[in-house]
Amino acid sequence: MFSDQRRLIASLLASLLMVPCGCSQSTPTAVDSAPPKVTVSHPELRELTDYDEFNGWTASSHIVEVRSRVRGHIVKINFTDGETVDVGKILFELDPQPFDSEVGRAKGQLNVAEAQQVQAVSEEARQARLLEQQATTQQQFEVAVATRKTWEAQVASAKDEVKRKELDADYAKIDAPIRGKIGRALLTEGNLVNVGGAEPLLTTIVAMDPINIFFNVDERSMIRFRERRSANNAEPKPFEQAKIPFDFQLETDESFSKSGTLDFADNRIDAATGTIEVRGKADNPDGKLVPGGRVRVRVSVSEPYKGLLVPDTAILTDQDKKYLLCLGEKNVVLRRDVKLGKLLDDGMRVVLPPNAKAETLTPEDRIIVLGLQRAKLNYPVEPVDQDGKQIAVQK
């Protein structure tokens, strides 16, 4: 029993002796962290032109509703629905027999009138001779003259009737007045075409080349555009003569790859919308631009100029101010306030210094484009390029 108590007391003494030994160990000191890595690049200097963009639509330059000028039954259709037809192509043919019959009857009446005219001329000559011989009266001679003139008028009228009937026969063949894409035939063979105030629509033709582009321009953009034209030209030409170029794209296009020329602006501003309608023309030889389609129109509103661009993702916001993080001496992070210009399709943003006499951004500056959350003002960073390669410290 006493031996067990001795062992317990010895164990407690050993534990007490080990405590000061552990407390005497020193706490390791914190090691200073290395500067964070950030990706930097230079602002890009590029030649730019400012544009205004508008929503527009395509429209045919000519639309023709094909109707018959004469009455008759359709006997033949000479086109396929949706094909492109040239000027003068025969589209519909009406039964020619009634028209040929009318032409023959008119020519018969002309022959009768011409025969009567010959007889009247002969009678007038005979009465003139008798009058010289005092074998007839003045009244009978005047009757002969009047009869001759009457038949001359009858002959002229009969000739006009022949021309009119021949014209009706020509109208029995309905042709295309313009070149364009034709719609479907609304009447088929065997149908009667009536005239006289209720002419049925046979088909339509729309011109495809060139094609019109319409869009509405707000009043402010129009005033700004006119001021620029006046500043660049002492005597600006009328709108339809200026031949102002524009670019446009379809809904499925990725860029403004198509172009045209503006040729018309309406003569008044719509008070309800504050816009004015503008029209341009564009070549469409392959017919890919269909009337009624939606387009996006871009018109230049400035002369080409040099501008600095940075990635839009590199721009930070401080309340109402925009700024960039740039690198100064020894790669210390500095703030550079900027004014923003337009955003380009490739994600680059035009930046303008807030004050040209103060800090000015240059193409030689280094701006942080990635790792912005790791950078702190007035603290150094470790810059790397777009490929992750380290950049030397700027002294």
Protein backbone atom coordinates (compact mmCIF):
# COMPACT_ATOMS: atom_id res chain seq x y z
CA MET A 1 0.00 0.00 0.00
CA PHE A 2 2.81 2.39 0.91
CA SER A 3 4.63 1.48 -2.31
CA ASP A 4 1.56 2.43 -4.38
CA GLN A 5 1.33 5.82 -2.67
CA ARG A 6 5.00 6.45 -3.37
CA ARG A 7 4.57 5.67 -7.03
CA LEU A 8 1.51 8.05 -7.28
CA ILE A 9 3.41 10.89 -5.57
CA ALA A 10 6.38 10.38 -7.88
CA SER A 11 4.15 10.53 -10.94
CA LEU A 12 2.54 13.83 -9.83
CA LEU A 13 5.95 15.38 -9.17
CA ALA A 14 7.14 14.39 -12.66
CA SER A 15 4.06 16.03 -14.23
CA LEU A 16 4.63 19.25 -12.33
CA LEU A 17 8.23 19.35 -13.41
CA MET A 18 7.30 19.06 -17.12
CA VAL A 19 4.98 22.16 -17.16
CA PRO A 20 7.63 24.89 -16.97
CA CYS A 21 9.61 23.03 -19.58
CA GLY A 22 6.73 23.39 -22.13
CA CYS A 23 6.08 27.04 -21.33
CA SER A 24 9.65 27.94 -21.98
CA GLN A 25 9.29 27.20 -25.74
CA SER A 26 9.20 30.38 -27.95
CA THR A 27 6.26 31.23 -30.36
CA PRO A 28 7.31 31.30 -34.06
CA THR A 29 7.07 34.74 -35.76
CA ALA A 30 4.82 35.36 -38.87
CA VAL A 31 6.60 35.49 -42.24
CA ASP A 32 5.73 38.50 -44.46
CA SER A 33 3.57 37.42 -47.50
CA ALA A 34 4.80 37.97 -51.09
CA PRO A 35 3.08 40.64 -53.34
CA PRO A 36 0.01 39.22 -55.11
CA LYS A 37 0.18 38.38 -58.80
CA VAL A 38 -1.92 40.46 -61.19
CA THR A 39 -2.23 40.48 -64.96
CA VAL A 40 -1.40 43.81 -66.62
CA SER A 41 -1.54 45.19 -70.17
CA HIS A 42 -1.06 48.47 -72.00
CA PRO A 43 -3.99 50.61 -73.26
CA GLU A 44 -4.55 50.06 -76.96
CA LEU A 45 -4.33 53.03 -79.35
CA ARG A 46 -6.77 52.56 -82.22
CA GLU A 47 -8.33 54.69 -84.99
CA LEU A 48 -12.03 55.01 -84.24
CA THR A 49 -15.19 56.49 -85.73
CA ASP A 50 -18.30 57.24 -83.69
CA TYR A 51 -21.54 55.72 -84.92
CA ASP A 52 -25.22 55.97 -84.14
CA GLU A 53 -27.22 52.76 -84.42
CA PHE A 54 -30.90 52.41 -85.25
CA ASN A 55 -33.44 49.66 -85.76
CA GLY A 56 -34.73 49.49 -89.31
CA TRP A 57 -36.55 47.34 -91.82
CA THR A 58 -36.24 46.41 -95.47
CA ALA A 59 -38.80 47.35 -98.11
CA SER A 60 -39.11 46.86 -101.84
CA SER A 61 -38.36 49.86 -104.05
CA HIS A 62 -41.30 48.92 -106.33
CA ILE A 63 -44.40 46.84 -105.64
CA VAL A 64 -46.83 46.08 -108.48
CA GLU A 65 -50.27 44.52 -108.19
CA VAL A 66 -50.88 42.67 -111.44
CA ARG A 67 -54.47 43.09 -112.69
CA SER A 68 -56.15 42.58 -116.05
CA ARG A 69 -57.29 45.54 -118.15
CA VAL A 70 -59.77 43.46 -120.16
CA ARG A 71 -62.40 40.85 -119.49
CA GLY A 72 -61.79 37.22 -120.41
CA HIS A 73 -61.07 33.67 -119.34
CA ILE A 74 -57.54 32.67 -118.30
CA VAL A 75 -56.20 29.97 -120.61
CA LYS A 76 -52.52 29.88 -119.65
CA ILE A 77 -50.15 30.88 -116.81
CA ASN A 78 -46.51 31.23 -117.83
CA PHE A 79 -44.65 31.52 -114.51
CA THR A 80 -43.81 29.53 -111.42
CA ASP A 81 -44.85 30.89 -108.05
CA GLY A 82 -41.96 32.74 -106.39
CA GLU A 83 -39.64 32.96 -109.39
CA THR A 84 -37.83 36.09 -110.58
CA VAL A 85 -39.39 37.54 -113.73
CA ASP A 86 -38.01 40.09 -116.18
CA VAL A 87 -39.77 43.11 -117.64
CA GLY A 88 -42.14 42.11 -120.45
CA LYS A 89 -42.47 38.43 -119.53
CA ILE A 90 -45.98 37.16 -120.37
CA LEU A 91 -47.55 36.07 -117.08
CA PHE A 92 -51.22 35.34 -117.95
CA GLU A 93 -52.93 34.71 -121.28
CA LEU A 94 -56.66 35.24 -121.77
CA ASP A 95 -58.72 33.47 -124.43
CA PRO A 96 -57.76 35.38 -127.65
CA GLN A 97 -60.77 34.39 -129.81
CA PRO A 98 -63.21 37.09 -128.57
CA PHE A 99 -60.56 39.75 -129.04
CA ASP A 100 -59.63 38.59 -132.54
CA SER A 101 -63.31 38.64 -133.45
CA GLU A 102 -63.68 42.20 -132.23
CA VAL A 103 -60.63 43.28 -134.21
CA GLY A 104 -62.10 41.71 -137.37
CA ARG A 105 -65.44 43.45 -136.86
CA ALA A 106 -63.73 46.81 -136.35
CA LYS A 107 -61.69 46.37 -139.51
CA GLY A 108 -64.88 45.53 -141.46
CA GLN A 109 -66.49 48.74 -140.29
CA LEU A 110 -63.36 50.61 -141.33
CA ASN A 111 -63.59 49.14 -144.83
CA VAL A 112 -67.21 50.27 -145.12
CA ALA A 113 -66.35 53.79 -144.00
CA GLU A 114 -63.41 53.99 -146.41
CA ALA A 115 -65.66 52.89 -149.31
CA GLN A 116 -68.23 55.52 -148.40
CA GLN A 117 -65.45 58.09 -148.17
CA VAL A 118 -64.28 57.27 -151.71
CA GLN A 119 -67.84 57.67 -153.04
CA ALA A 120 -68.27 60.96 -151.15
CA VAL A 121 -65.03 62.37 -152.55
CA SER A 122 -66.14 61.44 -156.08
CA GLU A 123 -69.56 63.01 -155.56
CA GLU A 124 -67.98 66.23 -154.28
CA ALA A 125 -65.77 66.45 -157.40
CA ARG A 126 -68.76 65.85 -159.68
CA GLN A 127 -70.82 68.55 -157.93
CA ALA A 128 -67.89 70.96 -158.27
CA ARG A 129 -67.77 70.45 -162.06
CA LEU A 130 -71.55 70.86 -162.36
CA LEU A 131 -71.40 74.03 -160.31
CA GLU A 132 -68.84 75.49 -162.71
CA GLN A 133 -71.24 74.68 -165.58
CA GLN A 134 -74.14 76.08 -163.59
CA ALA A 135 -75.82 72.69 -163.90
CA THR A 136 -76.34 72.34 -160.09
CA THR A 137 -77.02 74.56 -157.16
CA GLN A 138 -74.66 75.84 -154.47
CA GLN A 139 -76.70 73.99 -151.87
CA GLN A 140 -76.22 70.61 -153.54
CA PHE A 141 -72.48 71.24 -153.74
CA GLU A 142 -72.30 72.10 -150.03
CA VAL A 143 -74.21 68.90 -149.20
CA ALA A 144 -71.61 66.90 -151.14
CA VAL A 145 -68.78 68.62 -149.23
CA ALA A 146 -70.44 67.90 -145.88
CA THR A 147 -70.99 64.27 -146.81
CA ARG A 148 -67.33 63.88 -147.74
CA LYS A 149 -66.19 65.38 -144.42
CA THR A 150 -68.61 63.16 -142.52
CA TRP A 151 -67.17 60.02 -144.03
CA GLU A 152 -63.63 61.23 -143.43
CA ALA A 153 -64.52 61.54 -139.75
CA GLN A 154 -66.14 58.09 -139.86
CA VAL A 155 -62.94 56.61 -141.32
CA ALA A 156 -60.80 58.26 -138.62
CA SER A 157 -63.15 56.96 -135.91
CA ALA A 158 -63.13 53.46 -137.42
CA LYS A 159 -59.31 53.46 -137.45
CA ASP A 160 -59.24 54.45 -133.78
CA GLU A 161 -61.69 51.64 -133.02
CA VAL A 162 -59.42 49.16 -134.78
CA LYS A 163 -56.47 50.37 -132.70
CA ARG A 164 -58.49 50.09 -129.50
CA LYS A 165 -59.60 46.53 -130.31
CA GLU A 166 -56.04 45.55 -131.22
CA LEU A 167 -54.89 47.07 -127.93
CA ASP A 168 -57.48 44.96 -126.07
CA ALA A 169 -56.09 41.92 -127.87
CA ASP A 170 -52.61 42.88 -126.66
CA TYR A 171 -53.94 43.34 -123.11
CA ALA A 172 -55.20 39.76 -123.27
CA LYS A 173 -51.54 38.86 -122.74
CA ILE A 174 -50.72 40.23 -119.27
CA ASP A 175 -46.98 40.88 -118.89
CA ALA A 176 -44.63 41.91 -116.08
CA PRO A 177 -44.15 45.70 -115.86
CA ILE A 178 -41.01 45.43 -113.66
CA ARG A 179 -38.25 42.97 -112.89
CA GLY A 180 -38.67 41.31 -109.52
CA LYS A 181 -39.84 38.35 -107.51
CA ILE A 182 -43.38 37.27 -108.29
CA GLY A 183 -45.87 35.92 -105.78
CA ARG A 184 -48.28 33.06 -106.24
CA ALA A 185 -51.02 33.09 -108.88
CA LEU A 186 -54.27 34.07 -107.16
CA LEU A 187 -56.39 32.93 -110.14
CA THR A 188 -55.76 29.77 -112.15
CA GLU A 189 -56.66 28.61 -115.66
CA GLY A 190 -60.37 28.64 -116.45
CA ASN A 191 -61.27 31.55 -114.19
CA LEU A 192 -63.12 34.55 -115.62
CA VAL A 193 -61.40 37.88 -115.15
CA ASN A 194 -63.88 40.75 -114.88
CA VAL A 195 -63.15 44.45 -115.24
CA GLY A 196 -65.11 47.58 -114.55
CA GLY A 197 -64.30 48.71 -111.01
CA ALA A 198 -63.74 45.30 -109.42
CA GLU A 199 -60.66 44.00 -111.18
CA PRO A 200 -59.42 40.93 -109.32
CA LEU A 201 -55.80 40.75 -108.20
CA LEU A 202 -53.92 38.17 -110.24
CA THR A 203 -50.55 38.29 -108.44
CA THR A 204 -47.93 40.72 -107.11
CA ILE A 205 -44.35 41.52 -108.10
CA VAL A 206 -41.80 43.11 -105.76
CA ALA A 207 -38.51 44.59 -106.95
CA MET A 208 -35.56 43.03 -105.11
CA ASP A 209 -32.55 44.93 -106.46
CA PRO A 210 -31.90 47.52 -105.20
CA ILE A 211 -33.77 47.24 -101.91
CA ASN A 212 -34.82 50.07 -99.58
CA ILE A 213 -33.77 50.34 -95.93
CA PHE A 214 -36.04 52.46 -93.70
CA PHE A 215 -35.29 53.57 -90.12
CA ASN A 216 -36.37 56.32 -87.74
CA VAL A 217 -33.81 58.82 -86.43
CA ASP A 218 -34.45 60.77 -83.22
CA GLU A 219 -34.43 64.55 -83.42
CA ARG A 220 -31.27 64.98 -81.34
CA SER A 221 -29.23 62.65 -83.55
CA MET A 222 -30.51 64.40 -86.69
CA ILE A 223 -29.52 67.85 -85.37
CA ARG A 224 -26.07 66.60 -84.34
CA PHE A 225 -25.58 64.98 -87.73
CA ARG A 226 -26.57 68.15 -89.61
CA GLU A 227 -24.23 70.27 -87.48
CA ARG A 228 -21.34 67.96 -88.32
CA ARG A 229 -22.15 68.14 -92.03
CA SER A 230 -22.33 71.94 -91.88
CA ALA A 231 -18.99 72.13 -90.05
CA ASN A 232 -17.25 69.89 -92.59
CA ASN A 233 -18.74 71.50 -95.68
CA ALA A 234 -19.35 75.20 -96.20
CA GLU A 235 -22.21 74.43 -98.59
CA PRO A 236 -23.64 71.01 -97.67
CA LYS A 237 -25.51 69.28 -100.46
CA PRO A 238 -29.18 68.34 -100.12
CA PHE A 239 -29.71 65.06 -98.31
CA GLU A 240 -30.71 63.14 -101.44
CA GLN A 241 -27.57 64.35 -103.28
CA ALA A 242 -25.03 63.92 -100.48
CA LYS A 243 -24.77 60.12 -100.98
CA ILE A 244 -24.12 59.49 -97.28
CA PRO A 245 -22.94 55.90 -96.70
CA PHE A 246 -24.29 53.63 -93.98
CA ASP A 247 -23.74 50.05 -92.82
CA PHE A 248 -26.30 47.51 -91.68
CA GLN A 249 -26.65 43.91 -90.59
CA LEU A 250 -29.37 41.28 -90.41
CA GLU A 251 -30.56 39.64 -87.21
CA THR A 252 -28.23 36.68 -87.82
CA ASP A 253 -25.14 38.71 -88.82
CA GLU A 254 -22.27 39.17 -86.38
CA SER A 255 -20.98 42.41 -87.89
CA PHE A 256 -22.11 45.33 -90.06
CA SER A 257 -20.92 43.68 -93.26
CA LYS A 258 -23.50 45.21 -95.63
CA SER A 259 -23.57 48.81 -96.84
CA GLY A 260 -25.75 51.26 -98.72
CA THR A 261 -26.34 54.95 -99.40
CA LEU A 262 -28.88 57.28 -97.79
CA ASP A 263 -31.06 59.04 -100.36
CA PHE A 264 -34.15 60.40 -98.59
CA ALA A 265 -35.29 62.00 -95.32
CA ASP A 266 -38.89 62.89 -94.61
CA ASN A 267 -39.90 66.55 -94.71
CA ARG A 268 -41.15 66.69 -91.11
CA ILE A 269 -40.54 65.24 -87.65
CA ASP A 270 -43.27 63.08 -86.20
CA ALA A 271 -44.50 65.04 -83.17
CA ALA A 272 -45.79 61.88 -81.48
CA THR A 273 -42.45 60.02 -81.54
CA GLY A 274 -39.92 62.83 -82.02
CA THR A 275 -38.33 60.96 -84.94
CA ILE A 276 -37.92 61.46 -88.66
CA GLU A 277 -38.05 58.67 -91.23
CA VAL A 278 -34.90 58.12 -93.28
CA ARG A 279 -34.43 55.85 -96.30
CA GLY A 280 -31.39 54.29 -97.88
CA LYS A 281 -30.76 51.98 -100.82
CA ALA A 282 -28.60 48.89 -100.92
CA ASP A 283 -27.67 46.51 -103.73
CA ASN A 284 -29.30 43.09 -103.50
CA PRO A 285 -28.19 41.16 -106.60
CA ASP A 286 -28.58 37.73 -104.99
CA GLY A 287 -32.00 38.52 -103.52
CA LYS A 288 -31.02 37.47 -99.98
CA LEU A 289 -32.51 40.65 -98.51
CA VAL A 290 -36.26 40.09 -98.36
CA PRO A 291 -38.71 43.03 -98.00
CA GLY A 292 -40.10 43.32 -94.49
CA GLY A 293 -37.02 41.96 -92.72
CA ARG A 294 -35.52 43.59 -89.61
CA VAL A 295 -32.05 45.16 -89.78
CA ARG A 296 -29.69 47.09 -87.53
CA VAL A 297 -28.39 50.30 -89.17
CA ARG A 298 -25.17 52.13 -88.28
CA VAL A 299 -24.39 55.68 -89.48
CA SER A 300 -21.09 57.46 -88.78
CA VAL A 301 -21.43 60.69 -86.79
CA SER A 302 -17.76 61.71 -86.54
CA GLU A 303 -14.55 61.84 -88.49
CA PRO A 304 -11.92 59.15 -87.73
CA TYR A 305 -9.89 59.88 -84.60
CA LYS A 306 -7.29 58.19 -82.36
CA GLY A 307 -8.64 56.70 -79.13
CA LEU A 308 -7.31 54.71 -76.16
CA LEU A 309 -9.08 51.47 -75.31
CA VAL A 310 -8.96 49.19 -72.28
CA PRO A 311 -10.92 46.03 -71.44
CA ASP A 312 -14.28 47.01 -70.00
CA THR A 313 -13.77 44.48 -67.19
CA ALA A 314 -10.74 46.48 -65.94
CA ILE A 315 -12.85 49.55 -65.08
CA LEU A 316 -13.84 50.05 -61.44
CA THR A 317 -16.50 52.31 -59.90
CA ASP A 318 -16.29 54.66 -56.94
CA GLN A 319 -19.75 56.19 -56.52
CA ASP A 320 -20.13 58.35 -59.65
CA LYS A 321 -16.48 58.07 -60.72
CA LYS A 322 -14.79 55.50 -62.93
CA TYR A 323 -11.14 54.59 -62.50
CA LEU A 324 -8.39 52.15 -63.44
CA LEU A 325 -5.67 50.57 -61.32
CA CYS A 326 -2.26 51.33 -62.82
CA LEU A 327 1.28 50.43 -61.77
CA GLY A 328 3.73 53.11 -60.72
CA GLU A 329 7.32 52.92 -59.54
CA LYS A 330 8.33 49.56 -58.03
CA ASN A 331 4.99 48.17 -59.22
CA VAL A 332 3.01 50.11 -56.62
CA VAL A 333 -0.71 50.24 -57.37
CA LEU A 334 -2.05 53.71 -58.27
CA ARG A 335 -5.51 54.96 -59.13
CA ARG A 336 -6.21 56.69 -62.45
CA ASP A 337 -9.64 58.35 -62.91
CA VAL A 338 -11.11 58.22 -66.41
CA LYS A 339 -14.22 59.14 -68.34
CA LEU A 340 -15.85 56.38 -70.32
CA GLY A 341 -16.56 56.43 -74.03
CA LYS A 342 -18.43 53.88 -76.10
CA LEU A 343 -18.20 50.13 -75.63
CA LEU A 344 -17.02 48.27 -78.74
CA ASP A 345 -18.20 44.89 -79.95
CA ASP A 346 -14.95 43.20 -78.88
CA GLY A 347 -15.42 44.21 -75.22
CA MET A 348 -12.98 47.12 -75.33
CA ARG A 349 -14.03 50.46 -73.85
CA VAL A 350 -12.91 53.92 -75.00
CA VAL A 351 -11.47 55.84 -72.01
CA LEU A 352 -10.97 59.59 -71.87
CA PRO A 353 -9.01 61.37 -69.09
CA PRO A 354 -11.26 63.51 -66.87
CA ASN A 355 -8.85 66.46 -67.19
CA ALA A 356 -6.25 66.70 -69.93
CA LYS A 357 -4.04 68.94 -67.76
CA ALA A 358 -4.00 66.48 -64.90
CA GLU A 359 -3.20 62.79 -65.06
CA THR A 360 -3.36 61.53 -68.61
CA LEU A 361 -3.54 57.93 -69.64
CA THR A 362 -0.96 56.94 -72.28
CA PRO A 363 -0.31 53.80 -74.32
CA GLU A 364 2.83 53.21 -72.20
CA ASP A 365 0.91 52.90 -68.93
CA ARG A 366 0.38 49.50 -67.36
CA ILE A 367 -3.13 48.79 -66.14
CA ILE A 368 -4.36 45.83 -64.12
CA VAL A 369 -6.86 43.74 -66.10
CA LEU A 370 -7.04 40.57 -63.97
CA GLY A 371 -6.64 40.11 -60.23
CA LEU A 372 -8.21 43.47 -59.35
CA GLN A 373 -9.58 42.09 -56.08
CA ARG A 374 -6.04 41.23 -54.92
CA ALA A 375 -4.56 44.65 -55.64
CA LYS A 376 -4.47 47.36 -52.94
CA LEU A 377 -3.76 51.04 -53.49
CA ASN A 378 -0.22 52.13 -52.59
CA TYR A 379 0.93 48.51 -52.18
CA PRO A 380 3.20 46.68 -54.63
CA VAL A 381 2.06 43.75 -56.77
CA GLU A 382 3.81 41.19 -58.93
CA PRO A 383 2.78 41.90 -62.55
CA VAL A 384 2.51 39.18 -65.18
CA ASP A 385 1.52 39.39 -68.83
CA GLN A 386 -1.40 37.70 -70.56
CA ASP A 387 0.63 34.49 -70.85
CA GLY A 388 1.47 34.44 -67.13
CA LYS A 389 5.14 35.48 -67.59
CA GLN A 390 6.59 37.73 -64.91
CA ILE A 391 7.30 41.39 -65.82
CA ALA A 392 10.33 43.20 -64.47
CA VAL A 393 9.91 45.71 -61.66
CA GLN A 394 9.55 49.29 -62.90
CA LYS A 395 12.04 51.55 -61.14
